[in-house]
Each structure stands twice: as C-alpha cells, then as structure tokens.
C-alpha cells in the first residue's frame, strides 16, 4: 500500500466514523469510497480498533 493510499484510508475512515459512528462504520463502506478491496484494508488494518487508533 502506498503512503498516499494509507493516508486516504485513514482520512476516509475518520470521516465515516464521525459521520456514522464507530459501530455503524464498516470496511465495506471504506472500500467503496477508497476503491480497494476489503481484504486490502484488512491486510494493513486487521481490525477497526487498530484503524481507529491510527488517526
């Protein structure tokens, strides 16, 4: 994953979590917005907790 993709994932995840709330946010939502597979997201951020702690 490029640094740019990682930064975009973190930015979009933050936006989704603020908009929908942590429990309603999903990797499916994030993958549609960023344009990568859920598996790619899970490879770098195995859980939502890990992703949330990065931003």
Protein backbone atom coordinates (compact mmCIF):
# COMPACT_ATOMS: atom_id res chain seq x y z
CA UNK A 1 0.00 0.00 0.00
CA UNK A 2 1.37 3.37 -0.86
CA UNK A 3 1.67 6.07 1.75
CA UNK A 4 -0.93 8.06 -0.18
CA UNK A 5 -3.43 5.17 -0.07
CA UNK A 6 -2.79 4.66 3.64
CA UNK A 7 -3.35 8.36 4.32
CA UNK A 8 -6.54 8.31 2.28
CA UNK A 9 -7.78 5.23 4.16
CA UNK A 10 -7.15 6.94 7.47
CA UNK A 11 -8.79 10.18 6.33
CA UNK A 12 -11.89 8.48 4.90
CA UNK A 13 -12.17 6.16 7.91
CA UNK A 14 -12.11 9.15 10.24
CA UNK A 15 -14.81 10.85 8.18
CA UNK A 16 -17.02 7.74 8.14
CA UNK A 17 -16.59 7.11 11.86
CA UNK A 18 -17.52 10.69 12.69
CA UNK A 19 -20.47 10.61 10.30
CA UNK A 20 -21.88 7.14 11.05
CA UNK A 21 -20.37 6.33 14.41
CA UNK A 22 -17.82 3.66 15.19
CA UNK A 23 -20.27 0.75 15.39
CA UNK A 24 -22.03 1.60 12.09
CA UNK A 25 -18.83 2.16 10.11
CA UNK A 26 -17.68 -0.82 8.04
CA UNK A 27 -14.75 -1.83 5.89
CA UNK A 28 -17.27 -2.37 3.06
CA UNK A 29 -18.15 1.35 3.22
CA UNK A 30 -14.50 2.31 3.28
CA UNK A 31 -13.54 0.01 0.40
CA UNK A 32 -16.22 1.54 -1.84
CA UNK A 33 -15.03 5.07 -1.13
CA UNK A 34 -11.31 4.39 -1.48
CA UNK A 35 -11.64 1.90 -4.34
CA UNK A 36 -9.74 -1.04 -2.90
CA UNK A 37 -10.89 -4.41 -1.60
CA UNK A 38 -11.84 -5.11 1.98
CA UNK A 39 -9.07 -7.72 2.02
CA UNK A 40 -6.52 -5.00 1.23
CA UNK A 41 -7.78 -2.91 4.12
CA UNK A 42 -7.69 -5.91 6.48
CA UNK A 43 -4.13 -6.70 5.41
CA UNK A 44 -2.92 -3.35 6.73
CA UNK A 45 -5.50 -2.74 9.45
CA UNK A 46 -6.68 -6.16 10.73
CA UNK A 47 -9.34 -4.62 12.99
CA UNK A 48 -11.37 -1.44 13.22
CA UNK A 49 -9.77 -0.80 16.61
CA UNK A 50 -6.31 -0.74 15.06
CA UNK A 51 -7.51 1.54 12.27
CA UNK A 52 -9.24 3.91 14.70
CA UNK A 53 -6.14 4.17 16.89
CA UNK A 54 -4.02 5.27 13.90
CA UNK A 55 -5.88 8.55 13.45
